[in-house]
ModelCIF file with pLDDT and N, C-alpha, C, O atoms, coordinates in Angstrom:
data_MODEL
#
_entry.id   MODEL 
#
_entity.id                         1 
_entity.type                       polymer 
_entity.pdbx_number_of_molecules   1 
#
_entity_poly.entity_id                      1 
_entity_poly.type                           'polypeptide(L)' 
_entity_poly.nstd_linkage                   no 
_entity_poly.nstd_monomer                   no 
_entity_poly.pdbx_seq_one_letter_code       
;(UNK)(UNK)(UNK)(UNK)(UNK)(UNK)(UNK)(UNK)(UNK)(UNK)(UNK)(UNK)(UNK)(UNK)(UNK)(UNK)
(UNK)(UNK)(UNK)(UNK)(UNK)(UNK)(UNK)(UNK)(UNK)(UNK)(UNK)(UNK)(UNK)(UNK)(UNK)(UNK)
(UNK)(UNK)(UNK)(UNK)(UNK)(UNK)(UNK)(UNK)(UNK)(UNK)(UNK)
;
_entity_poly.pdbx_seq_one_letter_code_can   XXXXXXXXXXXXXXXXXXXXXXXXXXXXXXXXXXXXXXXXXXX 
_entity_poly.pdbx_strand_id                 A 
#
loop_
_entity_poly_seq.entity_id 
_entity_poly_seq.num 
_entity_poly_seq.mon_id 
_entity_poly_seq.hetero 
1 1  UNK n 
1 2  UNK n 
1 3  UNK n 
1 4  UNK n 
1 5  UNK n 
1 6  UNK n 
1 7  UNK n 
1 8  UNK n 
1 9  UNK n 
1 10 UNK n 
1 11 UNK n 
1 12 UNK n 
1 13 UNK n 
1 14 UNK n 
1 15 UNK n 
1 16 UNK n 
1 17 UNK n 
1 18 UNK n 
1 19 UNK n 
1 20 UNK n 
1 21 UNK n 
1 22 UNK n 
1 23 UNK n 
1 24 UNK n 
1 25 UNK n 
1 26 UNK n 
1 27 UNK n 
1 28 UNK n 
1 29 UNK n 
1 30 UNK n 
1 31 UNK n 
1 32 UNK n 
1 33 UNK n 
1 34 UNK n 
1 35 UNK n 
1 36 UNK n 
1 37 UNK n 
1 38 UNK n 
1 39 UNK n 
1 40 UNK n 
1 41 UNK n 
1 42 UNK n 
1 43 UNK n 
#
_struct_asym.id          A 
_struct_asym.entity_id   1 
#
loop_
_ma_qa_metric.id 
_ma_qa_metric.mode 
_ma_qa_metric.name 
_ma_qa_metric.software_group_id 
_ma_qa_metric.type 
1 global pLDDT . pLDDT 
2 local  pLDDT . pLDDT 
#
_ma_qa_metric_global.metric_id      1 
_ma_qa_metric_global.metric_value   83.23 
_ma_qa_metric_global.model_id       1 
_ma_qa_metric_global.ordinal_id     1 
#
loop_
_ma_qa_metric_local.label_asym_id 
_ma_qa_metric_local.label_comp_id 
_ma_qa_metric_local.label_seq_id 
_ma_qa_metric_local.metric_id 
_ma_qa_metric_local.metric_value 
_ma_qa_metric_local.model_id 
_ma_qa_metric_local.ordinal_id 
A UNK 1  2 74.00 1 1  
A UNK 2  2 75.00 1 2  
A UNK 3  2 73.00 1 3  
A UNK 4  2 66.00 1 4  
A UNK 5  2 69.00 1 5  
A UNK 6  2 65.00 1 6  
A UNK 7  2 68.00 1 7  
A UNK 8  2 65.00 1 8  
A UNK 9  2 71.00 1 9  
A UNK 10 2 71.00 1 10 
A UNK 11 2 76.00 1 11 
A UNK 12 2 78.00 1 12 
A UNK 13 2 82.00 1 13 
A UNK 14 2 82.00 1 14 
A UNK 15 2 86.00 1 15 
A UNK 16 2 84.00 1 16 
A UNK 17 2 79.00 1 17 
A UNK 18 2 86.00 1 18 
A UNK 19 2 85.00 1 19 
A UNK 20 2 85.00 1 20 
A UNK 21 2 83.00 1 21 
A UNK 22 2 86.00 1 22 
A UNK 23 2 86.00 1 23 
A UNK 24 2 89.00 1 24 
A UNK 25 2 90.00 1 25 
A UNK 26 2 90.00 1 26 
A UNK 27 2 89.00 1 27 
A UNK 28 2 87.00 1 28 
A UNK 29 2 90.00 1 29 
A UNK 30 2 91.00 1 30 
A UNK 31 2 92.00 1 31 
A UNK 32 2 93.00 1 32 
A UNK 33 2 92.00 1 33 
A UNK 34 2 92.00 1 34 
A UNK 35 2 90.00 1 35 
A UNK 36 2 88.00 1 36 
A UNK 37 2 87.00 1 37 
A UNK 38 2 91.00 1 38 
A UNK 39 2 91.00 1 39 
A UNK 40 2 91.00 1 40 
A UNK 41 2 90.00 1 41 
A UNK 42 2 90.00 1 42 
A UNK 43 2 91.00 1 43 
#
loop_
_atom_site.group_PDB 
_atom_site.id 
_atom_site.type_symbol 
_atom_site.label_atom_id 
_atom_site.label_alt_id 
_atom_site.label_comp_id 
_atom_site.label_asym_id 
_atom_site.label_entity_id 
_atom_site.label_seq_id 
_atom_site.pdbx_PDB_ins_code 
_atom_site.Cartn_x 
_atom_site.Cartn_y 
_atom_site.Cartn_z 
_atom_site.occupancy 
_atom_site.B_iso_or_equiv 
_atom_site.pdbx_formal_charge 
_atom_site.auth_seq_id 
_atom_site.auth_comp_id 
_atom_site.auth_asym_id 
_atom_site.auth_atom_id 
_atom_site.pdbx_PDB_model_num 
ATOM 1   N N  . UNK A 1 1  ? 36.572 14.479 -54.479 1.00 74.00 ? 1  UNK A N  1 
ATOM 2   C CA . UNK A 1 1  ? 37.514 15.336 -55.190 1.00 74.00 ? 1  UNK A CA 1 
ATOM 3   C C  . UNK A 1 1  ? 37.213 16.829 -55.081 1.00 74.00 ? 1  UNK A C  1 
ATOM 4   O O  . UNK A 1 1  ? 37.632 17.600 -55.944 1.00 74.00 ? 1  UNK A O  1 
ATOM 5   N N  . UNK A 1 2  ? 36.495 17.252 -54.040 1.00 75.00 ? 2  UNK A N  1 
ATOM 6   C CA . UNK A 1 2  ? 36.290 18.677 -53.798 1.00 75.00 ? 2  UNK A CA 1 
ATOM 7   C C  . UNK A 1 2  ? 37.574 19.241 -53.213 1.00 75.00 ? 2  UNK A C  1 
ATOM 8   O O  . UNK A 1 2  ? 38.371 18.496 -52.645 1.00 75.00 ? 2  UNK A O  1 
ATOM 9   N N  . UNK A 1 3  ? 37.788 20.544 -53.343 1.00 73.00 ? 3  UNK A N  1 
ATOM 10  C CA . UNK A 1 3  ? 39.014 21.128 -52.782 1.00 73.00 ? 3  UNK A CA 1 
ATOM 11  C C  . UNK A 1 3  ? 39.061 20.911 -51.267 1.00 73.00 ? 3  UNK A C  1 
ATOM 12  O O  . UNK A 1 3  ? 38.034 20.988 -50.593 1.00 73.00 ? 3  UNK A O  1 
ATOM 13  N N  . UNK A 1 4  ? 40.232 20.644 -50.744 1.00 66.00 ? 4  UNK A N  1 
ATOM 14  C CA . UNK A 1 4  ? 40.340 20.378 -49.304 1.00 66.00 ? 4  UNK A CA 1 
ATOM 15  C C  . UNK A 1 4  ? 40.058 21.630 -48.472 1.00 66.00 ? 4  UNK A C  1 
ATOM 16  O O  . UNK A 1 4  ? 40.375 22.746 -48.883 1.00 66.00 ? 4  UNK A O  1 
ATOM 17  N N  . UNK A 1 5  ? 39.460 21.426 -47.298 1.00 69.00 ? 5  UNK A N  1 
ATOM 18  C CA . UNK A 1 5  ? 39.219 22.537 -46.377 1.00 69.00 ? 5  UNK A CA 1 
ATOM 19  C C  . UNK A 1 5  ? 40.498 22.904 -45.635 1.00 69.00 ? 5  UNK A C  1 
ATOM 20  O O  . UNK A 1 5  ? 40.735 24.074 -45.333 1.00 69.00 ? 5  UNK A O  1 
ATOM 21  N N  . UNK A 1 6  ? 41.310 21.912 -45.346 1.00 65.00 ? 6  UNK A N  1 
ATOM 22  C CA . UNK A 1 6  ? 42.537 22.125 -44.598 1.00 65.00 ? 6  UNK A CA 1 
ATOM 23  C C  . UNK A 1 6  ? 43.718 22.047 -45.547 1.00 65.00 ? 6  UNK A C  1 
ATOM 24  O O  . UNK A 1 6  ? 43.937 21.024 -46.195 1.00 65.00 ? 6  UNK A O  1 
ATOM 25  N N  . UNK A 1 7  ? 44.462 23.107 -45.627 1.00 68.00 ? 7  UNK A N  1 
ATOM 26  C CA . UNK A 1 7  ? 45.674 23.122 -46.434 1.00 68.00 ? 7  UNK A CA 1 
ATOM 27  C C  . UNK A 1 7  ? 46.831 23.392 -45.477 1.00 68.00 ? 7  UNK A C  1 
ATOM 28  O O  . UNK A 1 7  ? 46.939 24.493 -44.937 1.00 68.00 ? 7  UNK A O  1 
ATOM 29  N N  . UNK A 1 8  ? 47.694 22.405 -45.260 1.00 65.00 ? 8  UNK A N  1 
ATOM 30  C CA . UNK A 1 8  ? 48.788 22.625 -44.319 1.00 65.00 ? 8  UNK A CA 1 
ATOM 31  C C  . UNK A 1 8  ? 49.744 23.698 -44.826 1.00 65.00 ? 8  UNK A C  1 
ATOM 32  O O  . UNK A 1 8  ? 50.195 23.656 -45.971 1.00 65.00 ? 8  UNK A O  1 
ATOM 33  N N  . UNK A 1 9  ? 50.045 24.663 -43.953 1.00 71.00 ? 9  UNK A N  1 
ATOM 34  C CA . UNK A 1 9  ? 50.971 25.741 -44.290 1.00 71.00 ? 9  UNK A CA 1 
ATOM 35  C C  . UNK A 1 9  ? 51.979 25.880 -43.170 1.00 71.00 ? 9  UNK A C  1 
ATOM 36  O O  . UNK A 1 9  ? 51.662 25.656 -42.001 1.00 71.00 ? 9  UNK A O  1 
ATOM 37  N N  . UNK A 1 10 ? 53.189 26.250 -43.530 1.00 71.00 ? 10 UNK A N  1 
ATOM 38  C CA . UNK A 1 10 ? 54.225 26.472 -42.546 1.00 71.00 ? 10 UNK A CA 1 
ATOM 39  C C  . UNK A 1 10 ? 54.730 27.892 -42.701 1.00 71.00 ? 10 UNK A C  1 
ATOM 40  O O  . UNK A 1 10 ? 54.874 28.390 -43.818 1.00 71.00 ? 10 UNK A O  1 
ATOM 41  N N  . UNK A 1 11 ? 54.994 28.535 -41.597 1.00 76.00 ? 11 UNK A N  1 
ATOM 42  C CA . UNK A 1 11 ? 55.456 29.920 -41.628 1.00 76.00 ? 11 UNK A CA 1 
ATOM 43  C C  . UNK A 1 11 ? 56.975 30.004 -41.563 1.00 76.00 ? 11 UNK A C  1 
ATOM 44  O O  . UNK A 1 11 ? 57.516 31.020 -41.125 1.00 76.00 ? 11 UNK A O  1 
ATOM 45  N N  . UNK A 1 12 ? 57.663 28.967 -41.984 1.00 78.00 ? 12 UNK A N  1 
ATOM 46  C CA . UNK A 1 12 ? 59.108 28.991 -42.009 1.00 78.00 ? 12 UNK A CA 1 
ATOM 47  C C  . UNK A 1 12 ? 59.585 28.280 -43.263 1.00 78.00 ? 12 UNK A C  1 
ATOM 48  O O  . UNK A 1 12 ? 58.897 27.418 -43.810 1.00 78.00 ? 12 UNK A O  1 
ATOM 49  N N  . UNK A 1 13 ? 60.764 28.652 -43.702 1.00 82.00 ? 13 UNK A N  1 
ATOM 50  C CA . UNK A 1 13 ? 61.308 28.095 -44.939 1.00 82.00 ? 13 UNK A CA 1 
ATOM 51  C C  . UNK A 1 13 ? 62.191 26.889 -44.625 1.00 82.00 ? 13 UNK A C  1 
ATOM 52  O O  . UNK A 1 13 ? 62.503 26.608 -43.467 1.00 82.00 ? 13 UNK A O  1 
ATOM 53  N N  . UNK A 1 14 ? 62.579 26.196 -45.672 1.00 82.00 ? 14 UNK A N  1 
ATOM 54  C CA . UNK A 1 14 ? 63.503 25.067 -45.504 1.00 82.00 ? 14 UNK A CA 1 
ATOM 55  C C  . UNK A 1 14 ? 64.835 25.571 -44.961 1.00 82.00 ? 14 UNK A C  1 
ATOM 56  O O  . UNK A 1 14 ? 65.503 24.871 -44.200 1.00 82.00 ? 14 UNK A O  1 
ATOM 57  N N  . UNK A 1 15 ? 65.222 26.781 -45.351 1.00 86.00 ? 15 UNK A N  1 
ATOM 58  C CA . UNK A 1 15 ? 66.465 27.379 -44.843 1.00 86.00 ? 15 UNK A CA 1 
ATOM 59  C C  . UNK A 1 15 ? 66.385 27.558 -43.324 1.00 86.00 ? 15 UNK A C  1 
ATOM 60  O O  . UNK A 1 15 ? 67.362 27.325 -42.613 1.00 86.00 ? 15 UNK A O  1 
ATOM 61  N N  . UNK A 1 16 ? 65.209 27.973 -42.834 1.00 84.00 ? 16 UNK A N  1 
ATOM 62  C CA . UNK A 1 16 ? 65.032 28.118 -41.385 1.00 84.00 ? 16 UNK A CA 1 
ATOM 63  C C  . UNK A 1 16 ? 65.191 26.782 -40.671 1.00 84.00 ? 16 UNK A C  1 
ATOM 64  O O  . UNK A 1 16 ? 65.767 26.714 -39.585 1.00 84.00 ? 16 UNK A O  1 
ATOM 65  N N  . UNK A 1 17 ? 64.680 25.727 -41.282 1.00 79.00 ? 17 UNK A N  1 
ATOM 66  C CA . UNK A 1 17 ? 64.766 24.416 -40.664 1.00 79.00 ? 17 UNK A CA 1 
ATOM 67  C C  . UNK A 1 17 ? 66.192 23.886 -40.621 1.00 79.00 ? 17 UNK A C  1 
ATOM 68  O O  . UNK A 1 17 ? 66.558 23.163 -39.695 1.00 79.00 ? 17 UNK A O  1 
ATOM 69  N N  . UNK A 1 18 ? 66.989 24.235 -41.604 1.00 86.00 ? 18 UNK A N  1 
ATOM 70  C CA . UNK A 1 18 ? 68.357 23.740 -41.699 1.00 86.00 ? 18 UNK A CA 1 
ATOM 71  C C  . UNK A 1 18 ? 69.365 24.664 -41.017 1.00 86.00 ? 18 UNK A C  1 
ATOM 72  O O  . UNK A 1 18 ? 70.571 24.422 -41.071 1.00 86.00 ? 18 UNK A O  1 
ATOM 73  N N  . UNK A 1 19 ? 68.869 25.717 -40.379 1.00 85.00 ? 19 UNK A N  1 
ATOM 74  C CA . UNK A 1 19 ? 69.736 26.694 -39.721 1.00 85.00 ? 19 UNK A CA 1 
ATOM 75  C C  . UNK A 1 19 ? 70.521 26.029 -38.589 1.00 85.00 ? 19 UNK A C  1 
ATOM 76  O O  . UNK A 1 19 ? 69.976 25.232 -37.825 1.00 85.00 ? 19 UNK A O  1 
ATOM 77  N N  . UNK A 1 20 ? 71.785 26.362 -38.497 1.00 85.00 ? 20 UNK A N  1 
ATOM 78  C CA . UNK A 1 20 ? 72.643 25.815 -37.448 1.00 85.00 ? 20 UNK A CA 1 
ATOM 79  C C  . UNK A 1 20 ? 72.837 26.893 -36.387 1.00 85.00 ? 20 UNK A C  1 
ATOM 80  O O  . UNK A 1 20 ? 73.146 28.042 -36.702 1.00 85.00 ? 20 UNK A O  1 
ATOM 81  N N  . UNK A 1 21 ? 72.653 26.510 -35.140 1.00 83.00 ? 21 UNK A N  1 
ATOM 82  C CA . UNK A 1 21 ? 72.848 27.428 -34.028 1.00 83.00 ? 21 UNK A CA 1 
ATOM 83  C C  . UNK A 1 21 ? 73.960 26.854 -33.161 1.00 83.00 ? 21 UNK A C  1 
ATOM 84  O O  . UNK A 1 21 ? 73.867 25.724 -32.681 1.00 83.00 ? 21 UNK A O  1 
ATOM 85  N N  . UNK A 1 22 ? 74.987 27.626 -32.970 1.00 86.00 ? 22 UNK A N  1 
ATOM 86  C CA . UNK A 1 22 ? 76.087 27.188 -32.122 1.00 86.00 ? 22 UNK A CA 1 
ATOM 87  C C  . UNK A 1 22 ? 75.783 27.573 -30.684 1.00 86.00 ? 22 UNK A C  1 
ATOM 88  O O  . UNK A 1 22 ? 75.529 28.738 -30.381 1.00 86.00 ? 22 UNK A O  1 
ATOM 89  N N  . UNK A 1 23 ? 75.812 26.589 -29.808 1.00 86.00 ? 23 UNK A N  1 
ATOM 90  C CA . UNK A 1 23 ? 75.553 26.810 -28.389 1.00 86.00 ? 23 UNK A CA 1 
ATOM 91  C C  . UNK A 1 23 ? 76.873 26.684 -27.647 1.00 86.00 ? 23 UNK A C  1 
ATOM 92  O O  . UNK A 1 23 ? 77.538 25.651 -27.719 1.00 86.00 ? 23 UNK A O  1 
ATOM 93  N N  . UNK A 1 24 ? 77.248 27.741 -26.932 1.00 89.00 ? 24 UNK A N  1 
ATOM 94  C CA . UNK A 1 24 ? 78.508 27.763 -26.194 1.00 89.00 ? 24 UNK A CA 1 
ATOM 95  C C  . UNK A 1 24 ? 78.205 27.509 -24.718 1.00 89.00 ? 24 UNK A C  1 
ATOM 96  O O  . UNK A 1 24 ? 77.814 28.423 -23.992 1.00 89.00 ? 24 UNK A O  1 
ATOM 97  N N  . UNK A 1 25 ? 78.389 26.264 -24.281 1.00 90.00 ? 25 UNK A N  1 
ATOM 98  C CA . UNK A 1 25 ? 78.087 25.894 -22.894 1.00 90.00 ? 25 UNK A CA 1 
ATOM 99  C C  . UNK A 1 25 ? 79.056 26.552 -21.919 1.00 90.00 ? 25 UNK A C  1 
ATOM 100 O O  . UNK A 1 25 ? 78.713 26.758 -20.755 1.00 90.00 ? 25 UNK A O  1 
ATOM 101 N N  . UNK A 1 26 ? 80.264 26.884 -22.377 1.00 90.00 ? 26 UNK A N  1 
ATOM 102 C CA . UNK A 1 26 ? 81.262 27.512 -21.500 1.00 90.00 ? 26 UNK A CA 1 
ATOM 103 C C  . UNK A 1 26 ? 81.085 29.029 -21.430 1.00 90.00 ? 26 UNK A C  1 
ATOM 104 O O  . UNK A 1 26 ? 81.650 29.678 -20.550 1.00 90.00 ? 26 UNK A O  1 
ATOM 105 N N  . UNK A 1 27 ? 80.307 29.592 -22.348 1.00 89.00 ? 27 UNK A N  1 
ATOM 106 C CA . UNK A 1 27 ? 80.088 31.045 -22.365 1.00 89.00 ? 27 UNK A CA 1 
ATOM 107 C C  . UNK A 1 27 ? 78.870 31.430 -21.546 1.00 89.00 ? 27 UNK A C  1 
ATOM 108 O O  . UNK A 1 27 ? 78.655 30.925 -20.444 1.00 89.00 ? 27 UNK A O  1 
ATOM 109 N N  . UNK A 1 28 ? 78.069 32.343 -22.112 1.00 87.00 ? 28 UNK A N  1 
ATOM 110 C CA . UNK A 1 28 ? 76.881 32.830 -21.417 1.00 87.00 ? 28 UNK A CA 1 
ATOM 111 C C  . UNK A 1 28 ? 75.583 32.335 -22.049 1.00 87.00 ? 28 UNK A C  1 
ATOM 112 O O  . UNK A 1 28 ? 74.503 32.776 -21.656 1.00 87.00 ? 28 UNK A O  1 
ATOM 113 N N  . UNK A 1 29 ? 75.669 31.427 -23.020 1.00 90.00 ? 29 UNK A N  1 
ATOM 114 C CA . UNK A 1 29 ? 74.458 30.945 -23.682 1.00 90.00 ? 29 UNK A CA 1 
ATOM 115 C C  . UNK A 1 29 ? 73.589 30.168 -22.693 1.00 90.00 ? 29 UNK A C  1 
ATOM 116 O O  . UNK A 1 29 ? 74.092 29.500 -21.789 1.00 90.00 ? 29 UNK A O  1 
ATOM 117 N N  . UNK A 1 30 ? 72.293 30.271 -22.884 1.00 91.00 ? 30 UNK A N  1 
ATOM 118 C CA . UNK A 1 30 ? 71.336 29.630 -21.992 1.00 91.00 ? 30 UNK A CA 1 
ATOM 119 C C  . UNK A 1 30 ? 70.233 28.989 -22.824 1.00 91.00 ? 30 UNK A C  1 
ATOM 120 O O  . UNK A 1 30 ? 69.691 29.624 -23.729 1.00 91.00 ? 30 UNK A O  1 
ATOM 121 N N  . UNK A 1 31 ? 69.901 27.753 -22.531 1.00 92.00 ? 31 UNK A N  1 
ATOM 122 C CA . UNK A 1 31 ? 68.761 27.099 -23.169 1.00 92.00 ? 31 UNK A CA 1 
ATOM 123 C C  . UNK A 1 31 ? 67.582 27.249 -22.227 1.00 92.00 ? 31 UNK A C  1 
ATOM 124 O O  . UNK A 1 31 ? 67.647 26.841 -21.067 1.00 92.00 ? 31 UNK A O  1 
ATOM 125 N N  . UNK A 1 32 ? 66.505 27.833 -22.728 1.00 93.00 ? 32 UNK A N  1 
ATOM 126 C CA . UNK A 1 32 ? 65.268 27.958 -21.958 1.00 93.00 ? 32 UNK A CA 1 
ATOM 127 C C  . UNK A 1 32 ? 64.271 27.008 -22.586 1.00 93.00 ? 32 UNK A C  1 
ATOM 128 O O  . UNK A 1 32 ? 63.914 27.154 -23.755 1.00 93.00 ? 32 UNK A O  1 
ATOM 129 N N  . UNK A 1 33 ? 63.823 26.034 -21.809 1.00 92.00 ? 33 UNK A N  1 
ATOM 130 C CA . UNK A 1 33 ? 62.893 25.027 -22.315 1.00 92.00 ? 33 UNK A CA 1 
ATOM 131 C C  . UNK A 1 33 ? 61.464 25.464 -22.022 1.00 92.00 ? 33 UNK A C  1 
ATOM 132 O O  . UNK A 1 33 ? 61.058 25.549 -20.863 1.00 92.00 ? 33 UNK A O  1 
ATOM 133 N N  . UNK A 1 34 ? 60.712 25.738 -23.070 1.00 92.00 ? 34 UNK A N  1 
ATOM 134 C CA . UNK A 1 34 ? 59.299 26.098 -22.965 1.00 92.00 ? 34 UNK A CA 1 
ATOM 135 C C  . UNK A 1 34 ? 58.485 24.821 -23.079 1.00 92.00 ? 34 UNK A C  1 
ATOM 136 O O  . UNK A 1 34 ? 58.428 24.212 -24.148 1.00 92.00 ? 34 UNK A O  1 
ATOM 137 N N  . UNK A 1 35 ? 57.868 24.419 -22.004 1.00 90.00 ? 35 UNK A N  1 
ATOM 138 C CA . UNK A 1 35 ? 57.099 23.169 -21.969 1.00 90.00 ? 35 UNK A CA 1 
ATOM 139 C C  . UNK A 1 35 ? 55.672 23.447 -22.423 1.00 90.00 ? 35 UNK A C  1 
ATOM 140 O O  . UNK A 1 35 ? 54.916 24.139 -21.741 1.00 90.00 ? 35 UNK A O  1 
ATOM 141 N N  . UNK A 1 36 ? 55.313 22.906 -23.569 1.00 88.00 ? 36 UNK A N  1 
ATOM 142 C CA . UNK A 1 36 ? 53.942 22.991 -24.066 1.00 88.00 ? 36 UNK A CA 1 
ATOM 143 C C  . UNK A 1 36 ? 53.258 21.700 -23.655 1.00 88.00 ? 36 UNK A C  1 
ATOM 144 O O  . UNK A 1 36 ? 53.714 20.611 -24.006 1.00 88.00 ? 36 UNK A O  1 
ATOM 145 N N  . UNK A 1 37 ? 52.173 21.818 -22.918 1.00 87.00 ? 37 UNK A N  1 
ATOM 146 C CA . UNK A 1 37 ? 51.516 20.648 -22.347 1.00 87.00 ? 37 UNK A CA 1 
ATOM 147 C C  . UNK A 1 37 ? 51.010 19.685 -23.420 1.00 87.00 ? 37 UNK A C  1 
ATOM 148 O O  . UNK A 1 37 ? 50.603 20.089 -24.509 1.00 87.00 ? 37 UNK A O  1 
ATOM 149 N N  . UNK A 1 38 ? 51.051 18.406 -23.077 1.00 91.00 ? 38 UNK A N  1 
ATOM 150 C CA . UNK A 1 38 ? 50.541 17.305 -23.900 1.00 91.00 ? 38 UNK A CA 1 
ATOM 151 C C  . UNK A 1 38 ? 51.274 17.164 -25.227 1.00 91.00 ? 38 UNK A C  1 
ATOM 152 O O  . UNK A 1 38 ? 50.670 16.751 -26.218 1.00 91.00 ? 38 UNK A O  1 
ATOM 153 N N  . UNK A 1 39 ? 52.565 17.498 -25.268 1.00 91.00 ? 39 UNK A N  1 
ATOM 154 C CA . UNK A 1 39 ? 53.348 17.354 -26.499 1.00 91.00 ? 39 UNK A CA 1 
ATOM 155 C C  . UNK A 1 39 ? 54.605 16.531 -26.275 1.00 91.00 ? 39 UNK A C  1 
ATOM 156 O O  . UNK A 1 39 ? 55.501 16.536 -27.119 1.00 91.00 ? 39 UNK A O  1 
ATOM 157 N N  . UNK A 1 40 ? 54.689 15.825 -25.153 1.00 91.00 ? 40 UNK A N  1 
ATOM 158 C CA . UNK A 1 40 ? 55.872 15.027 -24.853 1.00 91.00 ? 40 UNK A CA 1 
ATOM 159 C C  . UNK A 1 40 ? 56.947 15.837 -24.154 1.00 91.00 ? 40 UNK A C  1 
ATOM 160 O O  . UNK A 1 40 ? 58.101 15.411 -24.102 1.00 91.00 ? 40 UNK A O  1 
ATOM 161 N N  . UNK A 1 41 ? 56.592 16.998 -23.615 1.00 90.00 ? 41 UNK A N  1 
ATOM 162 C CA . UNK A 1 41 ? 57.562 17.889 -22.995 1.00 90.00 ? 41 UNK A CA 1 
ATOM 163 C C  . UNK A 1 41 ? 58.215 17.325 -21.749 1.00 90.00 ? 41 UNK A C  1 
ATOM 164 O O  . UNK A 1 41 ? 59.397 17.572 -21.510 1.00 90.00 ? 41 UNK A O  1 
ATOM 165 N N  . UNK A 1 42 ? 57.473 16.573 -20.949 1.00 90.00 ? 42 UNK A N  1 
ATOM 166 C CA . UNK A 1 42 ? 58.053 16.001 -19.743 1.00 90.00 ? 42 UNK A CA 1 
ATOM 167 C C  . UNK A 1 42 ? 59.149 15.008 -20.111 1.00 90.00 ? 42 UNK A C  1 
ATOM 168 O O  . UNK A 1 42 ? 60.227 15.022 -19.516 1.00 90.00 ? 42 UNK A O  1 
ATOM 169 N N  . UNK A 1 43 ? 58.881 14.156 -21.080 1.00 91.00 ? 43 UNK A N  1 
ATOM 170 C CA . UNK A 1 43 ? 59.879 13.182 -21.532 1.00 91.00 ? 43 UNK A CA 1 
ATOM 171 C C  . UNK A 1 43 ? 61.091 13.894 -22.122 1.00 91.00 ? 43 UNK A C  1 
ATOM 172 O O  . UNK A 1 43 ? 62.040 13.240 -22.557 1.00 91.00 ? 43 UNK A O  1 
#
């Protein structure tokens, strides 16, 4: 029951997580995929 060494923290709010982004495939919008190794990026 000692205080934990690791306290999970997030630098974003619930509002950030629920944010909606409209992607216009017919316009000029572009999705850039940043592949971070060993995180399932290839799949």
